[in-house]
Amino acid sequence: MQNQINSLAALLTAGLSQKAKVNTDWTQADWSVLLPFLEKNRLTTIALRGLTQYKDNGLPMPDKDVYKTISSQAMSMNLENIALHANMLTLARKWEAEDKRPLALGGMAFASYYPNARLHYANEFECVAVYKEGCEKGEAAATSFKVGQLNIKVVDTATGPFANKNCEHEDAVLRQAFLAGPCALDRNTLVAYPNLNFRALYLLYTARQQLLHSYLPIGKVLDWAMVIRRVGAMQANIFSWELFLEQLNDLGLFPFAQSFTALAVRLTGVEMPALGASLLADNPDTDYLYQCIVDEAAAHTDGDSRFSRFIGALRNKKKYEQFSELSPTKQAFRYLFGKD
């Protein structure tokens, strides 16, 4: 597994941080595993940008057939990403005609934080539908639909479908973070964005929910790395690390955030701002988190049954114990007998 992490990290670090690792031995990479992984997780455009760094610096390159495969897949994905961004603008224009606007939360909502927005992995856009002031139509209910190739997920609560008995407290913390700063409108996409403190907190909160209850896409780790990159490039008074760390503790997210941050830094080479150094605690849980992401993404199928989730919670007892205060046994029976 370590060779796979090292090879993936070399590609992603070069692609996202423009740092080619001079001691990378591509002959040690298992391309029979790595190539399908890159394609399935929509990482080929980042991989190609990374290999270009090696090529431009005269460093050893992978086999020509490997490079050709990545180049071909990246070209297709690049064209698809252009269409996805056009689909998001189509959604925003349609909603504007209906006196409402998308408030970005996840998926393509983080594309602008990447060195190039078309490097982003997602083909999903998660948002809240917010009506213009004075409109009496109210807020839109949670739903999913497609606009062209883009999967739209409209949510109606920040705590999500897997909220536990502490959901009122979690909702209060997230609401406080949301109200702590203004939203901003992107005039190019017609999409509104909450303040960065809230978006960072929401990203980590939903990432842990996905890890525990469904499966966590590796792209979420890259999103967090790009948030770290953005925060590091901003003025210190725009992002409050002190408040953010306090809110992580309030949500019981700190142990998960440490492993998640360590994995993000290891895979992408981003530099952690000094004020957030307490999150950078690389330990065995970091390797375990990576293994969870890889294994569960491979095993996940849409429409998992109650029983499969029941078995999954019991089988992944360590995951619950390491990253949350939830009882895996109680959660397993909640899946089996609880309400959807």
Protein backbone atom coordinates (compact mmCIF):
# COMPACT_ATOMS: atom_id res chain seq x y z
CA MET A 1 0.00 0.00 0.00
CA GLN A 2 2.86 2.38 0.82
CA ASN A 3 4.21 2.27 -2.74
CA GLN A 4 0.75 3.11 -4.05
CA ILE A 5 0.43 6.09 -1.67
CA ASN A 6 3.91 7.32 -2.62
CA SER A 7 3.21 7.07 -6.36
CA LEU A 8 -0.17 8.75 -6.05
CA ALA A 9 1.30 11.46 -3.83
CA ALA A 10 4.08 12.14 -6.35
CA LEU A 11 1.52 12.67 -9.14
CA LEU A 12 -0.88 14.78 -7.09
CA THR A 13 1.89 16.88 -5.49
CA ALA A 14 3.36 17.70 -8.89
CA GLY A 15 -0.10 18.38 -10.34
CA LEU A 16 -1.50 20.54 -7.54
CA SER A 17 1.60 22.07 -5.92
CA GLN A 18 3.96 22.02 -8.93
CA LYS A 19 6.57 20.13 -6.89
CA ALA A 20 8.12 17.24 -8.82
CA LYS A 21 9.82 14.76 -6.46
CA VAL A 22 13.25 14.16 -7.97
CA ASN A 23 13.69 10.77 -6.29
CA THR A 24 10.46 9.26 -7.66
CA ASP A 25 11.01 5.86 -9.27
CA TRP A 26 8.06 5.30 -11.58
CA THR A 27 9.14 1.68 -12.17
CA GLN A 28 7.96 0.96 -8.63
CA ALA A 29 4.43 2.18 -9.38
CA ASP A 30 1.81 -0.48 -9.97
CA TRP A 31 0.17 1.12 -12.99
CA SER A 32 -2.29 -1.77 -13.33
CA VAL A 33 -3.80 -0.46 -10.07
CA LEU A 34 -2.96 3.23 -10.35
CA LEU A 35 -4.35 3.92 -13.83
CA PRO A 36 -7.87 2.55 -13.10
CA PHE A 37 -7.81 4.40 -9.77
CA LEU A 38 -6.99 7.71 -11.46
CA GLU A 39 -9.70 7.22 -14.08
CA LYS A 40 -12.40 6.09 -11.64
CA ASN A 41 -11.73 9.01 -9.29
CA ARG A 42 -11.44 11.53 -12.14
CA LEU A 43 -7.87 12.51 -11.29
CA THR A 44 -6.29 12.16 -14.73
CA THR A 45 -6.13 15.90 -15.50
CA ILE A 46 -4.20 16.44 -12.25
CA ALA A 47 -1.98 13.46 -13.07
CA LEU A 48 -1.18 14.83 -16.54
CA ARG A 49 -0.36 18.26 -15.10
CA GLY A 50 1.94 16.50 -12.65
CA LEU A 51 3.73 14.44 -15.29
CA THR A 52 4.22 17.61 -17.33
CA GLN A 53 6.24 18.93 -14.38
CA TYR A 54 8.52 15.89 -14.59
CA LYS A 55 8.85 16.24 -18.34
CA ASP A 56 9.60 19.98 -18.24
CA ASN A 57 12.26 19.47 -15.56
CA GLY A 58 13.99 16.63 -17.41
CA LEU A 59 13.17 14.11 -14.70
CA PRO A 60 12.50 10.39 -15.29
CA MET A 61 9.07 9.70 -16.77
CA PRO A 62 6.79 6.64 -16.70
CA ASP A 63 6.53 4.28 -19.65
CA LYS A 64 5.33 5.94 -22.88
CA ASP A 65 2.16 3.80 -22.94
CA VAL A 66 1.29 4.96 -19.42
CA TYR A 67 1.81 8.61 -20.38
CA LYS A 68 -0.28 8.14 -23.54
CA THR A 69 -3.14 6.57 -21.55
CA ILE A 70 -3.16 9.39 -18.98
CA SER A 71 -2.98 12.04 -21.73
CA SER A 72 -5.94 10.52 -23.59
CA GLN A 73 -8.08 10.19 -20.46
CA ALA A 74 -7.18 13.72 -19.31
CA MET A 75 -8.21 15.19 -22.66
CA SER A 76 -11.62 13.53 -22.42
CA MET A 77 -12.08 14.67 -18.84
CA ASN A 78 -11.06 18.21 -19.70
CA LEU A 79 -13.79 18.40 -22.33
CA GLU A 80 -16.29 16.96 -19.86
CA ASN A 81 -15.30 19.51 -17.21
CA ILE A 82 -15.91 22.37 -19.66
CA ALA A 83 -19.42 20.99 -20.18
CA LEU A 84 -19.96 20.59 -16.41
CA HIS A 85 -19.11 24.24 -15.74
CA ALA A 86 -21.49 25.26 -18.53
CA ASN A 87 -24.18 23.08 -16.90
CA MET A 88 -23.67 24.85 -13.56
CA LEU A 89 -24.12 28.23 -15.24
CA THR A 90 -27.28 26.92 -16.94
CA LEU A 91 -28.68 25.93 -13.54
CA ALA A 92 -27.85 29.34 -12.05
CA ARG A 93 -29.51 31.20 -14.93
CA LYS A 94 -32.62 29.04 -14.73
CA TRP A 95 -32.91 29.60 -10.99
CA GLU A 96 -32.31 33.32 -11.35
CA ALA A 97 -35.39 33.46 -13.59
CA GLU A 98 -37.29 31.76 -10.74
CA ASP A 99 -36.11 34.36 -8.18
CA LYS A 100 -33.71 32.01 -6.45
CA ARG A 101 -29.99 31.36 -6.45
CA PRO A 102 -27.69 28.37 -5.74
CA LEU A 103 -25.73 28.73 -2.51
CA ALA A 104 -22.69 26.51 -3.07
CA LEU A 105 -21.77 23.91 -0.45
CA GLY A 106 -19.91 20.97 -1.98
CA GLY A 107 -18.74 19.14 -5.08
CA MET A 108 -17.88 21.66 -7.80
CA ALA A 109 -18.30 24.40 -5.21
CA PHE A 110 -14.57 23.96 -4.47
CA ALA A 111 -13.35 23.98 -8.09
CA SER A 112 -12.28 27.64 -7.92
CA TYR A 113 -9.75 26.80 -5.18
CA TYR A 114 -7.73 24.57 -7.55
CA PRO A 115 -4.85 25.97 -9.65
CA ASN A 116 -7.22 25.53 -12.59
CA ALA A 117 -10.94 24.96 -12.03
CA ARG A 118 -10.97 22.23 -14.70
CA LEU A 119 -8.62 20.13 -12.55
CA HIS A 120 -11.48 19.49 -10.15
CA TYR A 121 -12.66 15.89 -9.89
CA ALA A 122 -16.39 16.33 -9.20
CA ASN A 123 -19.32 15.86 -11.56
CA GLU A 124 -21.67 16.89 -8.75
CA PHE A 125 -22.73 20.27 -7.41
CA GLU A 126 -24.15 20.40 -3.88
CA CYS A 127 -26.08 23.52 -2.93
CA VAL A 128 -28.96 25.13 -1.09
CA ALA A 129 -31.66 26.92 -3.07
CA VAL A 130 -32.09 30.40 -1.60
CA TYR A 131 -34.91 32.68 -2.72
CA LYS A 132 -34.46 36.40 -3.18
CA GLU A 133 -35.42 38.65 -0.29
CA GLY A 134 -39.15 39.31 -0.17
CA CYS A 135 -40.04 36.24 -2.20
CA GLU A 136 -42.78 34.22 -0.50
CA LYS A 137 -41.97 30.85 -2.08
CA GLY A 138 -39.78 29.74 0.83
CA GLU A 139 -36.82 27.38 0.69
CA ALA A 140 -36.64 24.45 -1.73
CA ALA A 141 -36.80 20.93 -0.34
CA ALA A 142 -33.93 18.44 -0.62
CA THR A 143 -33.81 16.80 -4.04
CA SER A 144 -31.48 15.47 -6.73
CA PHE A 145 -31.61 15.93 -10.48
CA LYS A 146 -29.36 16.45 -13.50
CA VAL A 147 -28.59 19.41 -15.69
CA GLY A 148 -26.80 18.03 -18.72
CA GLN A 149 -23.98 15.89 -17.33
CA LEU A 150 -23.95 17.62 -13.95
CA ASN A 151 -25.54 15.91 -10.94
CA ILE A 152 -27.29 18.50 -8.78
CA LYS A 153 -27.84 17.76 -5.10
CA VAL A 154 -30.03 20.27 -3.28
CA VAL A 155 -29.90 19.92 0.51
CA ASP A 156 -32.22 21.42 3.11
CA THR A 157 -30.09 21.00 6.23
CA ALA A 158 -26.39 21.39 6.98
CA THR A 159 -26.32 18.37 9.29
CA GLY A 160 -27.35 15.98 6.53
CA PRO A 161 -29.28 12.70 6.50
CA PHE A 162 -27.06 10.95 9.06
CA ALA A 163 -27.38 13.49 11.87
CA ASN A 164 -27.24 11.83 15.30
CA LYS A 165 -28.76 12.71 18.65
CA ASN A 166 -26.49 15.78 18.81
CA CYS A 167 -27.87 17.20 15.57
CA GLU A 168 -29.36 20.28 17.27
CA HIS A 169 -25.97 21.17 18.74
CA GLU A 170 -24.18 20.46 15.45
CA ASP A 171 -26.72 22.54 13.56
CA ALA A 172 -26.18 25.43 15.98
CA VAL A 173 -22.39 25.33 15.52
CA LEU A 174 -22.69 25.21 11.73
CA ARG A 175 -25.29 27.97 11.74
CA GLN A 176 -23.03 30.17 13.89
CA ALA A 177 -20.17 29.61 11.43
CA PHE A 178 -22.43 30.47 8.49
CA LEU A 179 -23.66 33.70 10.06
CA ALA A 180 -20.16 34.78 11.10
CA GLY A 181 -19.37 36.17 7.66
CA PRO A 182 -21.10 37.37 4.50
CA CYS A 183 -21.88 35.33 1.40
CA ALA A 184 -20.32 36.43 -1.88
CA LEU A 185 -21.74 36.25 -5.40
CA ASP A 186 -19.55 34.99 -8.23
CA ARG A 187 -20.60 37.21 -11.15
CA ASN A 188 -19.19 34.74 -13.69
CA THR A 189 -21.14 31.69 -12.50
CA LEU A 190 -24.09 33.48 -10.78
CA VAL A 191 -23.51 31.19 -7.79
CA ALA A 192 -23.35 32.47 -4.20
CA TYR A 193 -20.67 31.22 -1.79
CA PRO A 194 -20.72 31.24 2.04
CA ASN A 195 -17.76 32.57 4.01
CA LEU A 196 -14.63 30.40 3.93
CA ASN A 197 -14.71 29.52 7.65
CA PHE A 198 -18.13 27.92 7.22
CA ARG A 199 -17.18 26.16 3.98
CA ALA A 200 -14.07 24.63 5.58
CA LEU A 201 -16.07 23.46 8.60
CA TYR A 202 -18.87 22.08 6.43
CA LEU A 203 -16.34 20.22 4.27
CA LEU A 204 -14.79 18.42 7.24
CA TYR A 205 -18.17 17.77 8.87
CA THR A 206 -19.66 16.18 5.75
CA ALA A 207 -16.42 14.31 4.98
CA ARG A 208 -16.62 12.51 8.31
CA GLN A 209 -20.31 11.78 7.77
CA GLN A 210 -19.48 10.20 4.44
CA LEU A 211 -16.62 8.19 5.95
CA LEU A 212 -18.81 6.77 8.70
CA HIS A 213 -22.07 6.25 6.88
CA SER A 214 -21.40 5.88 3.16
CA TYR A 215 -18.03 6.21 1.44
CA LEU A 216 -15.58 9.10 1.31
CA PRO A 217 -14.32 10.10 -2.18
CA ILE A 218 -10.61 10.78 -2.22
CA GLY A 219 -11.43 14.03 -4.02
CA LYS A 220 -12.74 15.38 -0.71
CA VAL A 221 -9.20 15.09 0.66
CA LEU A 222 -7.97 17.15 -2.30
CA ASP A 223 -10.71 19.74 -1.69
CA TRP A 224 -9.46 20.14 1.86
CA ALA A 225 -5.87 20.48 0.62
CA MET A 226 -6.97 23.24 -1.75
CA VAL A 227 -8.81 25.02 1.09
CA ILE A 228 -5.57 24.89 3.10
CA ARG A 229 -3.75 26.28 0.05
CA ARG A 230 -6.29 29.12 -0.28
CA VAL A 231 -6.16 29.97 3.42
CA GLY A 232 -2.35 30.08 3.32
CA ALA A 233 -2.49 32.60 0.48
CA MET A 234 -4.96 34.89 2.25
CA GLN A 235 -4.54 37.53 4.90
CA ALA A 236 -4.65 36.02 8.39
CA ASN A 237 -7.62 38.14 9.48
CA ILE A 238 -9.85 36.75 6.69
CA PHE A 239 -9.77 33.21 8.08
CA SER A 240 -9.91 32.73 11.85
CA TRP A 241 -7.93 29.63 12.79
CA GLU A 242 -8.67 30.16 16.48
CA LEU A 243 -12.43 30.11 15.89
CA PHE A 244 -12.18 27.28 13.37
CA LEU A 245 -10.25 24.99 15.74
CA GLU A 246 -12.73 25.78 18.52
CA GLN A 247 -15.63 24.83 16.23
CA LEU A 248 -13.92 21.57 15.24
CA ASN A 249 -13.73 20.66 18.91
CA ASP A 250 -17.37 21.64 19.43
CA LEU A 251 -18.36 19.21 16.66
CA GLY A 252 -16.06 16.43 17.94
CA LEU A 253 -14.15 16.58 14.65
CA PHE A 254 -10.63 17.23 15.88
CA PRO A 255 -9.18 13.65 15.77
CA PHE A 256 -10.68 13.08 12.33
CA ALA A 257 -9.50 16.50 11.11
CA GLN A 258 -5.92 15.69 12.17
CA SER A 259 -5.75 12.48 10.13
CA PHE A 260 -7.64 14.07 7.25
CA THR A 261 -5.27 17.05 7.20
CA ALA A 262 -2.16 14.87 7.43
CA LEU A 263 -3.39 12.80 4.47
CA ALA A 264 -4.21 15.94 2.45
CA VAL A 265 -0.72 17.36 3.03
CA ARG A 266 0.98 14.04 2.31
CA LEU A 267 -0.89 13.52 -0.97
CA THR A 268 -0.67 17.05 -2.36
CA GLY A 269 2.38 18.73 -0.85
CA VAL A 270 0.46 21.81 0.28
CA GLU A 271 2.02 23.82 3.08
CA MET A 272 0.09 24.04 6.32
CA PRO A 273 -0.18 27.60 7.74
CA ALA A 274 1.54 27.94 11.10
CA LEU A 275 -1.74 28.86 12.85
CA GLY A 276 -3.22 25.50 11.81
CA ALA A 277 -0.18 23.41 12.78
CA SER A 278 -2.06 21.57 15.54
CA LEU A 279 -4.04 19.77 12.82
CA LEU A 280 -0.91 18.38 11.22
CA ALA A 281 -0.47 15.20 13.29
CA ASP A 282 0.59 12.37 10.97
CA ASN A 283 0.10 9.00 12.71
CA PRO A 284 -1.02 5.42 11.93
CA ASP A 285 -4.61 6.66 11.69
CA THR A 286 -3.60 8.54 8.54
CA ASP A 287 -2.69 5.30 6.75
CA TYR A 288 -5.86 3.70 8.09
CA LEU A 289 -7.97 6.59 6.78
CA TYR A 290 -6.42 6.22 3.32
CA GLN A 291 -7.13 2.49 3.38
CA CYS A 292 -10.76 3.14 4.35
CA ILE A 293 -11.17 5.55 1.44
CA VAL A 294 -9.66 3.16 -1.10
CA ASP A 295 -11.39 0.00 0.14
CA GLU A 296 -14.85 1.48 0.60
CA ALA A 297 -14.85 3.33 -2.71
CA ALA A 298 -14.12 0.01 -4.44
CA ALA A 299 -16.87 -1.79 -2.52
CA HIS A 300 -19.54 0.93 -2.69
CA THR A 301 -22.57 0.55 -4.94
CA ASP A 302 -25.50 2.93 -5.31
CA GLY A 303 -28.56 1.94 -3.32
CA ASP A 304 -26.79 -0.08 -0.62
CA SER A 305 -29.38 -2.04 1.36
CA ARG A 306 -30.12 -1.64 5.04
CA PHE A 307 -28.52 -5.02 5.69
CA SER A 308 -25.32 -4.19 3.81
CA ARG A 309 -24.96 -0.97 5.82
CA PHE A 310 -25.69 -2.95 9.02
CA ILE A 311 -22.90 -5.41 8.20
CA GLY A 312 -20.60 -2.60 7.12
CA ALA A 313 -20.93 -0.76 10.44
CA LEU A 314 -20.11 -3.93 12.39
CA ARG A 315 -17.21 -4.82 10.10
CA ASN A 316 -15.72 -1.32 10.33
CA LYS A 317 -15.84 -1.00 14.10
CA LYS A 318 -12.37 0.54 14.20
CA LYS A 319 -13.44 3.36 11.89
CA TYR A 320 -16.16 4.48 14.29
CA GLU A 321 -13.89 4.17 17.32
CA GLN A 322 -11.02 6.11 15.74
CA PHE A 323 -12.93 8.98 14.16
CA SER A 324 -16.13 9.51 16.18
CA GLU A 325 -17.91 8.96 19.45
CA LEU A 326 -20.62 6.88 17.80
CA SER A 327 -21.13 3.29 18.91
CA PRO A 328 -20.68 1.06 15.84
CA THR A 329 -23.14 -1.48 17.26
CA LYS A 330 -25.84 1.13 17.89
CA GLN A 331 -25.23 2.64 14.47
CA ALA A 332 -25.49 -0.78 12.81
CA PHE A 333 -28.90 -1.42 14.36
CA ARG A 334 -29.99 2.11 13.48
CA TYR A 335 -29.27 1.25 9.85
CA LEU A 336 -31.25 -1.96 10.14
CA PHE A 337 -34.30 -0.74 12.02
CA GLY A 338 -34.21 3.06 11.93
CA LYS A 339 -36.03 5.43 9.62
CA ASP A 340 -34.40 6.36 6.30
